[in-house]
């Protein structure tokens, strides 16, 4: 009767070594490998920063050089070895697919394909986590680097006697960028009073900031690039590591109060402003309270900015239709 309720357990002789190998790797990838590599990749940036901080220690530098001379390092430096698991993780799907083509049976091939699915899902999840972590770390650093000028420095018409300035307690805007998504950033040229000023723009999910870069006299040395971050996003990383600050030139421009105006080639040539576009800031009464003529280095950079701003406005308006935002009082100025 026991045979009716308990199926026979296959012995190791009944199972091919190939299938045992595949099954063990299916469990390994599902339970440990993918999870460990995700955790490793998320901590990679922090490890690199910590490694840079240890460079100042002579004993640590000597120890690393001694280790790198080991034959097992194959003349690779420590940073080359640290980045290897990141590169290996993305190559696993291709490697597994090639193994699947040479599998002994259809069942084994299906098992390998399921492993490929596990790795693909893990990589996809990792991309989302890296993007979130990158934004969190970047915004956290940016919050400390932003400089909000008092109203009497922003608007020269707002003359406030020195003995009355203490009455105008500025509302703290330090938390304005917290919990925001930084969608796009980069250098542009602001045309103001027939002069050109280099500015740095930050496009968040709800507003746009126009800032002026204030460079620090202290130099932090060579900044290593982060392979997890796209090249376009490394300019801000470099400026932050150089201890630069960003002086906000005007109030935040809410995306639902922002209008874009393209400067076509004919008008751009006539005005001598190639690769330019206009940002108009409107108040709640549809009056224009600010105009910014911005010039990009190339036409492609201009198109990228216009596209990013249009997409951000569209996403915000769509979100407002589905679930209206609760506006914070400190976001509303007297002009809006």
C-alpha atoms as a PDB file:
ATOM      1  CA  UNK A   1       0.000   0.000   0.000  1.00  0.00           C
ATOM      2  CA  UNK A   2       2.866   2.369   0.635  1.00  0.00           C
ATOM      3  CA  UNK A   3       3.722   2.273  -3.061  1.00  0.00           C
ATOM      4  CA  UNK A   4       0.298   3.737  -3.870  1.00  0.00           C
ATOM      5  CA  UNK A   5       0.890   6.863  -1.744  1.00  0.00           C
ATOM      6  CA  UNK A   6       4.643   7.418  -2.089  1.00  0.00           C
ATOM      7  CA  UNK A   7       6.157   7.649  -5.551  1.00  0.00           C
ATOM      8  CA  UNK A   8       9.569   6.067  -5.906  1.00  0.00           C
ATOM      9  CA  UNK A   9      12.446   8.460  -5.235  1.00  0.00           C
ATOM     10  CA  UNK A  10      14.820   8.474  -8.179  1.00  0.00           C
ATOM     11  CA  UNK A  11      18.336   7.488  -7.309  1.00  0.00           C
ATOM     12  CA  UNK A  12      21.338   9.403  -8.534  1.00  0.00           C
ATOM     13  CA  UNK A  13      21.855   6.682 -11.154  1.00  0.00           C
ATOM     14  CA  UNK A  14      18.379   7.404 -12.665  1.00  0.00           C
ATOM     15  CA  UNK A  15      19.138  11.144 -13.053  1.00  0.00           C
ATOM     16  CA  UNK A  16      21.703  12.278 -15.588  1.00  0.00           C
ATOM     17  CA  UNK A  17      24.646  14.354 -14.320  1.00  0.00           C
ATOM     18  CA  UNK A  18      23.591  17.086 -16.766  1.00  0.00           C
ATOM     19  CA  UNK A  19      20.092  17.338 -15.230  1.00  0.00           C
ATOM     20  CA  UNK A  20      21.479  17.313 -11.677  1.00  0.00           C
ATOM     21  CA  UNK A  21      23.825  20.154 -12.641  1.00  0.00           C
ATOM     22  CA  UNK A  22      20.993  22.195 -14.213  1.00  0.00           C
ATOM     23  CA  UNK A  23      18.587  21.620 -11.308  1.00  0.00           C
ATOM     24  CA  UNK A  24      21.198  22.635  -8.737  1.00  0.00           C
ATOM     25  CA  UNK A  25      21.938  25.829 -10.686  1.00  0.00           C
ATOM     26  CA  UNK A  26      18.216  26.611 -10.987  1.00  0.00           C
ATOM     27  CA  UNK A  27      17.997  26.557  -7.188  1.00  0.00           C
ATOM     28  CA  UNK A  28      21.264  28.508  -6.810  1.00  0.00           C
ATOM     29  CA  UNK A  29      20.225  31.304  -9.193  1.00  0.00           C
ATOM     30  CA  UNK A  30      16.733  31.502  -7.718  1.00  0.00           C
ATOM     31  CA  UNK A  31      17.733  31.556  -4.053  1.00  0.00           C
ATOM     32  CA  UNK A  32      21.185  33.107  -3.794  1.00  0.00           C
ATOM     33  CA  UNK A  33      23.149  34.180  -6.888  1.00  0.00           C
ATOM     34  CA  UNK A  34      20.701  36.788  -8.257  1.00  0.00           C
ATOM     35  CA  UNK A  35      19.967  38.195  -4.796  1.00  0.00           C
ATOM     36  CA  UNK A  36      23.662  38.444  -3.865  1.00  0.00           C
ATOM     37  CA  UNK A  37      24.600  40.099  -7.168  1.00  0.00           C
ATOM     38  CA  UNK A  38      21.764  42.614  -6.818  1.00  0.00           C
ATOM     39  CA  UNK A  39      22.995  43.516  -3.343  1.00  0.00           C
ATOM     40  CA  UNK A  40      26.591  43.739  -4.606  1.00  0.00           C
ATOM     41  CA  UNK A  41      25.646  46.051  -7.493  1.00  0.00           C
ATOM     42  CA  UNK A  42      23.637  48.363  -5.226  1.00  0.00           C
ATOM     43  CA  UNK A  43      26.600  48.719  -2.846  1.00  0.00           C
ATOM     44  CA  UNK A  44      29.182  49.164  -5.613  1.00  0.00           C
ATOM     45  CA  UNK A  45      29.021  52.987  -5.714  1.00  0.00           C
ATOM     46  CA  UNK A  46      29.423  53.273  -1.947  1.00  0.00           C
ATOM     47  CA  UNK A  47      32.373  50.869  -2.040  1.00  0.00           C
ATOM     48  CA  UNK A  48      34.120  52.953  -4.717  1.00  0.00           C
ATOM     49  CA  UNK A  49      33.647  56.152  -2.691  1.00  0.00           C
ATOM     50  CA  UNK A  50      35.007  54.412   0.414  1.00  0.00           C
ATOM     51  CA  UNK A  51      37.963  53.121  -1.591  1.00  0.00           C
ATOM     52  CA  UNK A  52      38.713  56.664  -2.793  1.00  0.00           C
ATOM     53  CA  UNK A  53      38.669  57.897   0.809  1.00  0.00           C
ATOM     54  CA  UNK A  54      41.293  55.274   1.732  1.00  0.00           C
ATOM     55  CA  UNK A  55      43.705  56.465  -0.962  1.00  0.00           C
ATOM     56  CA  UNK A  56      45.088  59.068   1.437  1.00  0.00           C
ATOM     57  CA  UNK A  57      46.425  56.303   3.685  1.00  0.00           C
ATOM     58  CA  UNK A  58      49.929  55.348   2.602  1.00  0.00           C
ATOM     59  CA  UNK A  59      49.808  51.931   4.302  1.00  0.00           C
ATOM     60  CA  UNK A  60      46.566  51.020   2.518  1.00  0.00           C
ATOM     61  CA  UNK A  61      47.973  52.086  -0.862  1.00  0.00           C
ATOM     62  CA  UNK A  62      51.089  49.981  -0.333  1.00  0.00           C
ATOM     63  CA  UNK A  63      49.000  46.967   0.699  1.00  0.00           C
ATOM     64  CA  UNK A  64      46.763  47.241  -2.400  1.00  0.00           C
ATOM     65  CA  UNK A  65      49.791  47.477  -4.715  1.00  0.00           C
ATOM     66  CA  UNK A  66      51.334  44.433  -3.039  1.00  0.00           C
ATOM     67  CA  UNK A  67      48.111  42.455  -3.538  1.00  0.00           C
ATOM     68  CA  UNK A  68      47.773  43.556  -7.172  1.00  0.00           C
ATOM     69  CA  UNK A  69      51.205  42.076  -7.925  1.00  0.00           C
ATOM     70  CA  UNK A  70      49.814  38.621  -7.142  1.00  0.00           C
ATOM     71  CA  UNK A  71      49.642  36.344 -10.203  1.00  0.00           C
ATOM     72  CA  UNK A  72      45.974  35.552  -9.541  1.00  0.00           C
ATOM     73  CA  UNK A  73      45.095  39.222 -10.185  1.00  0.00           C
ATOM     74  CA  UNK A  74      46.387  38.820 -13.783  1.00  0.00           C
ATOM     75  CA  UNK A  75      47.731  42.403 -13.722  1.00  0.00           C
ATOM     76  CA  UNK A  76      44.267  43.786 -12.975  1.00  0.00           C
ATOM     77  CA  UNK A  77      43.837  46.589 -10.459  1.00  0.00           C
ATOM     78  CA  UNK A  78      41.409  46.500  -7.528  1.00  0.00           C
ATOM     79  CA  UNK A  79      38.774  48.621  -9.306  1.00  0.00           C
ATOM     80  CA  UNK A  80      38.909  46.303 -12.328  1.00  0.00           C
ATOM     81  CA  UNK A  81      38.181  43.365 -10.038  1.00  0.00           C
ATOM     82  CA  UNK A  82      35.369  45.198  -8.239  1.00  0.00           C
ATOM     83  CA  UNK A  83      33.507  45.974 -11.464  1.00  0.00           C
ATOM     84  CA  UNK A  84      33.811  42.405 -12.808  1.00  0.00           C
ATOM     85  CA  UNK A  85      30.691  40.997 -11.016  1.00  0.00           C
ATOM     86  CA  UNK A  86      28.573  43.805 -12.521  1.00  0.00           C
ATOM     87  CA  UNK A  87      29.725  42.898 -16.012  1.00  0.00           C
ATOM     88  CA  UNK A  88      29.342  39.164 -15.352  1.00  0.00           C
ATOM     89  CA  UNK A  89      25.742  39.588 -14.139  1.00  0.00           C
ATOM     90  CA  UNK A  90      24.593  41.086 -17.453  1.00  0.00           C
ATOM     91  CA  UNK A  91      26.347  38.333 -19.431  1.00  0.00           C
ATOM     92  CA  UNK A  92      24.638  35.441 -17.634  1.00  0.00           C
ATOM     93  CA  UNK A  93      21.516  35.366 -19.895  1.00  0.00           C
ATOM     94  CA  UNK A  94      23.597  35.004 -23.087  1.00  0.00           C
ATOM     95  CA  UNK A  95      25.802  32.332 -21.495  1.00  0.00           C
ATOM     96  CA  UNK A  96      22.783  30.355 -20.266  1.00  0.00           C
ATOM     97  CA  UNK A  97      21.044  30.583 -23.653  1.00  0.00           C
ATOM     98  CA  UNK A  98      24.128  29.102 -25.329  1.00  0.00           C
ATOM     99  CA  UNK A  99      24.152  26.280 -22.759  1.00  0.00           C
ATOM    100  CA  UNK A 100      20.454  25.678 -23.451  1.00  0.00           C
ATOM    101  CA  UNK A 101      21.151  25.144 -27.158  1.00  0.00           C
ATOM    102  CA  UNK A 102      23.467  22.257 -26.266  1.00  0.00           C
ATOM    103  CA  UNK A 103      21.213  20.651 -23.641  1.00  0.00           C
ATOM    104  CA  UNK A 104      20.523  16.911 -23.731  1.00  0.00           C
ATOM    105  CA  UNK A 105      16.708  17.074 -23.776  1.00  0.00           C
ATOM    106  CA  UNK A 106      13.774  19.448 -24.161  1.00  0.00           C
ATOM    107  CA  UNK A 107      13.077  19.291 -20.415  1.00  0.00           C
ATOM    108  CA  UNK A 108      16.626  20.431 -19.641  1.00  0.00           C
ATOM    109  CA  UNK A 109      16.361  23.239 -22.195  1.00  0.00           C
ATOM    110  CA  UNK A 110      13.101  24.408 -20.578  1.00  0.00           C
ATOM    111  CA  UNK A 111      14.765  24.395 -17.163  1.00  0.00           C
ATOM    112  CA  UNK A 112      17.635  26.507 -18.496  1.00  0.00           C
ATOM    113  CA  UNK A 113      15.155  28.928 -20.096  1.00  0.00           C
ATOM    114  CA  UNK A 114      13.460  29.307 -16.717  1.00  0.00           C
ATOM    115  CA  UNK A 115      16.878  30.194 -15.219  1.00  0.00           C
ATOM    116  CA  UNK A 116      17.321  32.786 -17.992  1.00  0.00           C
ATOM    117  CA  UNK A 117      13.922  34.190 -17.008  1.00  0.00           C
ATOM    118  CA  UNK A 118      15.015  34.428 -13.367  1.00  0.00           C
ATOM    119  CA  UNK A 119      18.204  36.307 -14.297  1.00  0.00           C
ATOM    120  CA  UNK A 120      16.405  38.644 -16.739  1.00  0.00           C
ATOM    121  CA  UNK A 121      13.838  39.504 -14.060  1.00  0.00           C
ATOM    122  CA  UNK A 122      16.605  40.109 -11.505  1.00  0.00           C
ATOM    123  CA  UNK A 123      18.462  42.424 -13.921  1.00  0.00           C
ATOM    124  CA  UNK A 124      15.246  44.316 -14.698  1.00  0.00           C
ATOM    125  CA  UNK A 125      14.526  44.722 -10.971  1.00  0.00           C
ATOM    126  CA  UNK A 126      18.117  45.831 -10.409  1.00  0.00           C
ATOM    127  CA  UNK A 127      17.823  48.577 -13.038  1.00  0.00           C
ATOM    128  CA  UNK A 128      14.810  49.978 -11.195  1.00  0.00           C
ATOM    129  CA  UNK A 129      16.579  49.788  -7.820  1.00  0.00           C
ATOM    130  CA  UNK A 130      19.742  51.397  -9.205  1.00  0.00           C
ATOM    131  CA  UNK A 131      17.696  54.202 -10.752  1.00  0.00           C
ATOM    132  CA  UNK A 132      15.884  54.828  -7.461  1.00  0.00           C
ATOM    133  CA  UNK A 133      19.105  54.665  -5.418  1.00  0.00           C
ATOM    134  CA  UNK A 134      20.946  56.899  -7.882  1.00  0.00           C
ATOM    135  CA  UNK A 135      18.163  59.508  -7.690  1.00  0.00           C
ATOM    136  CA  UNK A 136      18.027  59.287  -3.876  1.00  0.00           C
ATOM    137  CA  UNK A 137      21.786  59.769  -3.453  1.00  0.00           C
ATOM    138  CA  UNK A 138      21.955  62.512  -6.069  1.00  0.00           C
ATOM    139  CA  UNK A 139      19.026  64.480  -4.594  1.00  0.00           C
ATOM    140  CA  UNK A 140      20.441  64.050  -1.077  1.00  0.00           C
ATOM    141  CA  UNK A 141      23.756  65.607  -2.179  1.00  0.00           C
ATOM    142  CA  UNK A 142      22.004  68.256  -4.260  1.00  0.00           C
ATOM    143  CA  UNK A 143      19.858  69.377  -1.320  1.00  0.00           C
ATOM    144  CA  UNK A 144      23.019  70.401   0.529  1.00  0.00           C
ATOM    145  CA  UNK A 145      24.524  72.077  -2.555  1.00  0.00           C
ATOM    146  CA  UNK A 146      21.525  74.285  -3.430  1.00  0.00           C
ATOM    147  CA  UNK A 147      21.707  77.916  -2.269  1.00  0.00           C
ATOM    148  CA  UNK A 148      18.388  79.792  -1.906  1.00  0.00           C
ATOM    149  CA  UNK A 149      18.885  83.556  -2.004  1.00  0.00           C
ATOM    150  CA  UNK A 150      16.709  85.825   0.186  1.00  0.00           C
ATOM    151  CA  UNK A 151      14.077  87.913  -1.589  1.00  0.00           C
ATOM    152  CA  UNK A 152      16.078  91.177  -1.368  1.00  0.00           C
ATOM    153  CA  UNK A 153      18.921  89.539  -3.295  1.00  0.00           C
ATOM    154  CA  UNK A 154      16.632  87.919  -5.875  1.00  0.00           C
ATOM    155  CA  UNK A 155      14.693  91.101  -6.632  1.00  0.00           C
ATOM    156  CA  UNK A 156      16.683  94.341  -6.521  1.00  0.00           C
ATOM    157  CA  UNK A 157      13.436  96.319  -6.266  1.00  0.00           C
ATOM    158  CA  UNK A 158      12.699  94.687  -2.932  1.00  0.00           C
ATOM    159  CA  UNK A 159      14.689  97.092  -0.752  1.00  0.00           C
ATOM    160  CA  UNK A 160      14.533  95.970   2.853  1.00  0.00           C
ATOM    161  CA  UNK A 161      16.312  97.991   5.559  1.00  0.00           C
ATOM    162  CA  UNK A 162      18.888  95.989   7.453  1.00  0.00           C
ATOM    163  CA  UNK A 163      17.047  96.320  10.775  1.00  0.00           C
ATOM    164  CA  UNK A 164      13.859  94.831   9.232  1.00  0.00           C
ATOM    165  CA  UNK A 165      15.347  91.788   7.524  1.00  0.00           C
ATOM    166  CA  UNK A 166      14.888  89.665  10.624  1.00  0.00           C
ATOM    167  CA  UNK A 167      11.125  90.149  10.228  1.00  0.00           C
ATOM    168  CA  UNK A 168      11.191  88.486   6.812  1.00  0.00           C
ATOM    169  CA  UNK A 169      11.980  85.011   7.973  1.00  0.00           C
ATOM    170  CA  UNK A 170      12.638  83.037   4.835  1.00  0.00           C
ATOM    171  CA  UNK A 171      10.678  79.834   4.581  1.00  0.00           C
ATOM    172  CA  UNK A 172      13.147  76.957   4.473  1.00  0.00           C
ATOM    173  CA  UNK A 173      13.236  75.418   1.014  1.00  0.00           C
ATOM    174  CA  UNK A 174      15.801  72.751   1.868  1.00  0.00           C
ATOM    175  CA  UNK A 175      13.166  70.025   1.806  1.00  0.00           C
ATOM    176  CA  UNK A 176      11.668  71.185  -1.492  1.00  0.00           C
ATOM    177  CA  UNK A 177      13.725  68.692  -3.504  1.00  0.00           C
ATOM    178  CA  UNK A 178      13.371  65.836  -1.004  1.00  0.00           C
ATOM    179  CA  UNK A 179      11.308  62.897  -2.257  1.00  0.00           C
ATOM    180  CA  UNK A 180      11.404  64.335  -5.788  1.00  0.00           C
ATOM    181  CA  UNK A 181      12.544  62.551  -8.918  1.00  0.00           C
ATOM    182  CA  UNK A 182      15.312  64.311 -10.840  1.00  0.00           C
ATOM    183  CA  UNK A 183      14.367  63.661 -14.465  1.00  0.00           C
ATOM    184  CA  UNK A 184      17.034  65.632 -16.335  1.00  0.00           C
ATOM    185  CA  UNK A 185      19.871  68.051 -15.627  1.00  0.00           C
ATOM    186  CA  UNK A 186      22.670  69.799 -17.463  1.00  0.00           C
ATOM    187  CA  UNK A 187      24.421  72.997 -18.485  1.00  0.00           C
ATOM    188  CA  UNK A 188      22.817  75.615 -20.724  1.00  0.00           C
ATOM    189  CA  UNK A 189      23.488  79.278 -21.485  1.00  0.00           C
ATOM    190  CA  UNK A 190      21.037  81.917 -20.229  1.00  0.00           C
ATOM    191  CA  UNK A 191      20.690  85.054 -22.380  1.00  0.00           C
ATOM    192  CA  UNK A 192      20.075  87.966 -20.015  1.00  0.00           C
ATOM    193  CA  UNK A 193      20.550  91.697 -20.672  1.00  0.00           C
ATOM    194  CA  UNK A 194      22.385  90.905 -23.935  1.00  0.00           C
ATOM    195  CA  UNK A 195      24.893  88.846 -21.939  1.00  0.00           C
ATOM    196  CA  UNK A 196      25.458  85.107 -21.788  1.00  0.00           C
ATOM    197  CA  UNK A 197      25.567  83.350 -18.433  1.00  0.00           C
ATOM    198  CA  UNK A 198      26.351  79.676 -17.892  1.00  0.00           C
ATOM    199  CA  UNK A 199      23.542  78.080 -15.887  1.00  0.00           C
ATOM    200  CA  UNK A 200      22.698  74.589 -14.678  1.00  0.00           C
ATOM    201  CA  UNK A 201      19.118  73.372 -14.939  1.00  0.00           C
ATOM    202  CA  UNK A 202      17.407  70.732 -12.808  1.00  0.00           C
ATOM    203  CA  UNK A 203      14.175  69.256 -14.132  1.00  0.00           C
ATOM    204  CA  UNK A 204      12.208  67.549 -11.355  1.00  0.00           C
ATOM    205  CA  UNK A 205       8.894  65.744 -11.670  1.00  0.00           C
ATOM    206  CA  UNK A 206       6.963  68.849 -10.526  1.00  0.00           C
ATOM    207  CA  UNK A 207       9.148  71.887 -11.188  1.00  0.00           C
ATOM    208  CA  UNK A 208      12.212  73.301 -12.936  1.00  0.00           C
ATOM    209  CA  UNK A 209      15.149  74.991 -11.207  1.00  0.00           C
ATOM    210  CA  UNK A 210      17.520  77.402 -12.960  1.00  0.00           C
ATOM    211  CA  UNK A 211      20.781  77.793 -11.055  1.00  0.00           C
ATOM    212  CA  UNK A 212      24.215  79.332 -11.389  1.00  0.00           C
ATOM    213  CA  UNK A 213      27.251  77.180 -10.607  1.00  0.00           C
ATOM    214  CA  UNK A 214      29.560  78.438  -7.865  1.00  0.00           C
ATOM    215  CA  UNK A 215      32.803  76.499  -8.069  1.00  0.00           C
ATOM    216  CA  UNK A 216      34.774  75.617  -4.986  1.00  0.00           C
ATOM    217  CA  UNK A 217      38.439  76.526  -4.674  1.00  0.00           C
ATOM    218  CA  UNK A 218      39.118  73.093  -3.194  1.00  0.00           C
ATOM    219  CA  UNK A 219      39.747  70.347  -5.730  1.00  0.00           C
ATOM    220  CA  UNK A 220      38.932  66.772  -4.803  1.00  0.00           C
ATOM    221  CA  UNK A 221      41.200  65.241  -7.437  1.00  0.00           C
ATOM    222  CA  UNK A 222      40.320  62.732 -10.145  1.00  0.00           C
ATOM    223  CA  UNK A 223      36.698  61.595 -10.067  1.00  0.00           C
ATOM    224  CA  UNK A 224      36.135  58.010 -11.119  1.00  0.00           C
ATOM    225  CA  UNK A 225      33.204  57.328 -13.432  1.00  0.00           C
ATOM    226  CA  UNK A 226      30.379  55.142 -12.176  1.00  0.00           C
ATOM    227  CA  UNK A 227      29.519  52.289 -14.598  1.00  0.00           C
ATOM    228  CA  UNK A 228      26.028  52.035 -13.111  1.00  0.00           C
ATOM    229  CA  UNK A 229      25.252  55.619 -14.067  1.00  0.00           C
ATOM    230  CA  UNK A 230      24.849  56.782 -17.690  1.00  0.00           C
ATOM    231  CA  UNK A 231      27.529  59.144 -19.030  1.00  0.00           C
ATOM    232  CA  UNK A 232      24.980  61.949 -19.300  1.00  0.00           C
ATOM    233  CA  UNK A 233      24.411  61.799 -15.523  1.00  0.00           C
ATOM    234  CA  UNK A 234      28.088  61.942 -14.546  1.00  0.00           C
ATOM    235  CA  UNK A 235      28.462  65.701 -15.104  1.00  0.00           C
ATOM    236  CA  UNK A 236      26.423  66.477 -11.987  1.00  0.00           C
ATOM    237  CA  UNK A 237      28.284  63.777 -10.045  1.00  0.00           C
ATOM    238  CA  UNK A 238      31.584  65.445 -10.988  1.00  0.00           C
ATOM    239  CA  UNK A 239      30.357  68.919  -9.916  1.00  0.00           C
ATOM    240  CA  UNK A 240      29.048  67.612  -6.596  1.00  0.00           C
ATOM    241  CA  UNK A 241      32.304  65.802  -5.847  1.00  0.00           C
ATOM    242  CA  UNK A 242      34.147  69.031  -6.673  1.00  0.00           C
ATOM    243  CA  UNK A 243      32.111  70.671  -3.848  1.00  0.00           C
ATOM    244  CA  UNK A 244      30.357  73.058  -6.235  1.00  0.00           C
ATOM    245  CA  UNK A 245      27.206  74.833  -5.067  1.00  0.00           C
ATOM    246  CA  UNK A 246      24.188  75.851  -7.151  1.00  0.00           C
ATOM    247  CA  UNK A 247      22.668  79.295  -6.549  1.00  0.00           C
ATOM    248  CA  UNK A 248      18.964  79.311  -7.444  1.00  0.00           C
ATOM    249  CA  UNK A 249      18.475  82.326  -9.734  1.00  0.00           C
ATOM    250  CA  UNK A 250      14.692  82.438  -9.601  1.00  0.00           C
ATOM    251  CA  UNK A 251      11.808  80.770  -7.824  1.00  0.00           C
ATOM    252  CA  UNK A 252      11.018  77.162  -8.798  1.00  0.00           C
ATOM    253  CA  UNK A 253       8.966  77.061 -11.991  1.00  0.00           C
ATOM    254  CA  UNK A 254       6.031  74.708 -11.506  1.00  0.00           C
ATOM    255  CA  UNK A 255       5.588  72.576 -14.618  1.00  0.00           C
ATOM    256  CA  UNK A 256       1.872  73.344 -14.838  1.00  0.00           C
ATOM    257  CA  UNK A 257       2.793  77.048 -15.045  1.00  0.00           C
ATOM    258  CA  UNK A 258       5.537  76.593 -17.639  1.00  0.00           C
ATOM    259  CA  UNK A 259       5.261  77.192 -21.378  1.00  0.00           C
ATOM    260  CA  UNK A 260       7.876  76.265 -23.978  1.00  0.00           C
ATOM    261  CA  UNK A 261       8.478  78.349 -27.076  1.00  0.00           C
ATOM    262  CA  UNK A 262      10.745  77.020 -29.799  1.00  0.00           C
ATOM    263  CA  UNK A 263      12.999  79.457 -31.681  1.00  0.00           C
ATOM    264  CA  UNK A 264      12.990  78.285 -35.282  1.00  0.00           C
ATOM    265  CA  UNK A 265      16.076  78.398 -37.477  1.00  0.00           C
ATOM    266  CA  UNK A 266      15.046  81.631 -39.255  1.00  0.00           C
ATOM    267  CA  UNK A 267      14.549  83.582 -36.011  1.00  0.00           C
ATOM    268  CA  UNK A 268      17.589  81.927 -34.436  1.00  0.00           C
ATOM    269  CA  UNK A 269      19.782  83.086 -37.330  1.00  0.00           C
ATOM    270  CA  UNK A 270      18.305  86.590 -37.275  1.00  0.00           C
ATOM    271  CA  UNK A 271      18.859  86.977 -33.534  1.00  0.00           C
ATOM    272  CA  UNK A 272      22.214  85.186 -33.524  1.00  0.00           C
ATOM    273  CA  UNK A 273      20.951  82.568 -31.062  1.00  0.00           C
ATOM    274  CA  UNK A 274      21.322  79.096 -32.583  1.00  0.00           C
ATOM    275  CA  UNK A 275      20.020  76.048 -30.680  1.00  0.00           C
ATOM    276  CA  UNK A 276      17.839  78.225 -28.446  1.00  0.00           C
ATOM    277  CA  UNK A 277      14.384  77.988 -26.896  1.00  0.00           C
ATOM    278  CA  UNK A 278      12.273  80.086 -24.529  1.00  0.00           C
ATOM    279  CA  UNK A 279      10.773  79.164 -21.169  1.00  0.00           C
ATOM    280  CA  UNK A 280       7.834  81.296 -20.018  1.00  0.00           C
ATOM    281  CA  UNK A 281       6.703  81.303 -16.395  1.00  0.00           C
ATOM    282  CA  UNK A 282       3.027  82.146 -15.929  1.00  0.00           C
ATOM    283  CA  UNK A 283       1.036  82.882 -12.785  1.00  0.00           C
ATOM    284  CA  UNK A 284      -2.424  81.524 -12.017  1.00  0.00           C
ATOM    285  CA  UNK A 285      -3.965  84.382 -14.028  1.00  0.00           C
ATOM    286  CA  UNK A 286      -2.055  83.322 -17.175  1.00  0.00           C
ATOM    287  CA  UNK A 287       0.190  86.395 -16.935  1.00  0.00           C
ATOM    288  CA  UNK A 288       3.844  85.986 -17.861  1.00  0.00           C
ATOM    289  CA  UNK A 289       5.993  86.740 -14.818  1.00  0.00           C
ATOM    290  CA  UNK A 290       9.297  85.451 -16.155  1.00  0.00           C
ATOM    291  CA  UNK A 291      11.020  84.776 -19.481  1.00  0.00           C
ATOM    292  CA  UNK A 292      14.209  82.764 -19.907  1.00  0.00           C
ATOM    293  CA  UNK A 293      15.999  82.460 -23.250  1.00  0.00           C
ATOM    294  CA  UNK A 294      18.203  79.382 -23.080  1.00  0.00           C
ATOM    295  CA  UNK A 295      20.841  78.215 -25.537  1.00  0.00           C
ATOM    296  CA  UNK A 296      22.182  74.673 -25.866  1.00  0.00           C
ATOM    297  CA  UNK A 297      25.561  73.605 -27.228  1.00  0.00           C
ATOM    298  CA  UNK A 298      24.024  71.622 -30.080  1.00  0.00           C
ATOM    299  CA  UNK A 299      20.644  71.109 -31.731  1.00  0.00           C
ATOM    300  CA  UNK A 300      20.449  67.557 -30.334  1.00  0.00           C
ATOM    301  CA  UNK A 301      20.960  68.820 -26.756  1.00  0.00           C
ATOM    302  CA  UNK A 302      18.216  71.400 -27.323  1.00  0.00           C
ATOM    303  CA  UNK A 303      15.813  68.747 -28.644  1.00  0.00           C
ATOM    304  CA  UNK A 304      16.594  66.520 -25.662  1.00  0.00           C
ATOM    305  CA  UNK A 305      15.738  69.323 -23.221  1.00  0.00           C
ATOM    306  CA  UNK A 306      12.527  70.266 -25.034  1.00  0.00           C
ATOM    307  CA  UNK A 307      11.459  66.618 -25.167  1.00  0.00           C
ATOM    308  CA  UNK A 308      12.232  65.998 -21.473  1.00  0.00           C
ATOM    309  CA  UNK A 309      10.315  69.113 -20.356  1.00  0.00           C
ATOM    310  CA  UNK A 310       7.310  68.315 -22.570  1.00  0.00           C
ATOM    311  CA  UNK A 311       7.209  64.722 -21.290  1.00  0.00           C
ATOM    312  CA  UNK A 312       7.452  65.901 -17.665  1.00  0.00           C
ATOM    313  CA  UNK A 313       4.605  68.405 -18.155  1.00  0.00           C
ATOM    314  CA  UNK A 314       2.467  65.757 -19.838  1.00  0.00           C
ATOM    315  CA  UNK A 315       3.100  63.241 -17.031  1.00  0.00           C
ATOM    316  CA  UNK A 316       2.304  65.808 -14.335  1.00  0.00           C
ATOM    317  CA  UNK A 317      -0.951  66.934 -15.971  1.00  0.00           C
ATOM    318  CA  UNK A 318      -1.983  63.314 -16.488  1.00  0.00           C
ATOM    319  CA  UNK A 319      -1.226  62.555 -12.843  1.00  0.00           C
ATOM    320  CA  UNK A 320      -3.210  65.626 -11.719  1.00  0.00           C
ATOM    321  CA  UNK A 321      -6.238  64.443 -13.697  1.00  0.00           C
ATOM    322  CA  UNK A 322      -6.126  61.057 -11.978  1.00  0.00           C
ATOM    323  CA  UNK A 323      -5.209  62.278  -8.494  1.00  0.00           C
ATOM    324  CA  UNK A 324      -5.001  66.050  -7.813  1.00  0.00           C
ATOM    325  CA  UNK A 325      -1.951  67.112  -5.857  1.00  0.00           C
ATOM    326  CA  UNK A 326      -2.154  68.637  -2.401  1.00  0.00           C
ATOM    327  CA  UNK A 327      -0.180  71.845  -2.872  1.00  0.00           C
ATOM    328  CA  UNK A 328       2.132  72.927  -0.098  1.00  0.00           C
ATOM    329  CA  UNK A 329       1.755  76.547   0.915  1.00  0.00           C
ATOM    330  CA  UNK A 330       5.485  77.252   0.671  1.00  0.00           C
ATOM    331  CA  UNK A 331       5.415  76.402  -3.049  1.00  0.00           C
ATOM    332  CA  UNK A 332       3.036  79.298  -3.722  1.00  0.00           C
ATOM    333  CA  UNK A 333       4.685  82.718  -3.986  1.00  0.00           C
ATOM    334  CA  UNK A 334       2.935  86.083  -4.021  1.00  0.00           C
ATOM    335  CA  UNK A 335       3.380  86.223  -7.790  1.00  0.00           C
ATOM    336  CA  UNK A 336       1.809  82.846  -8.581  1.00  0.00           C
END
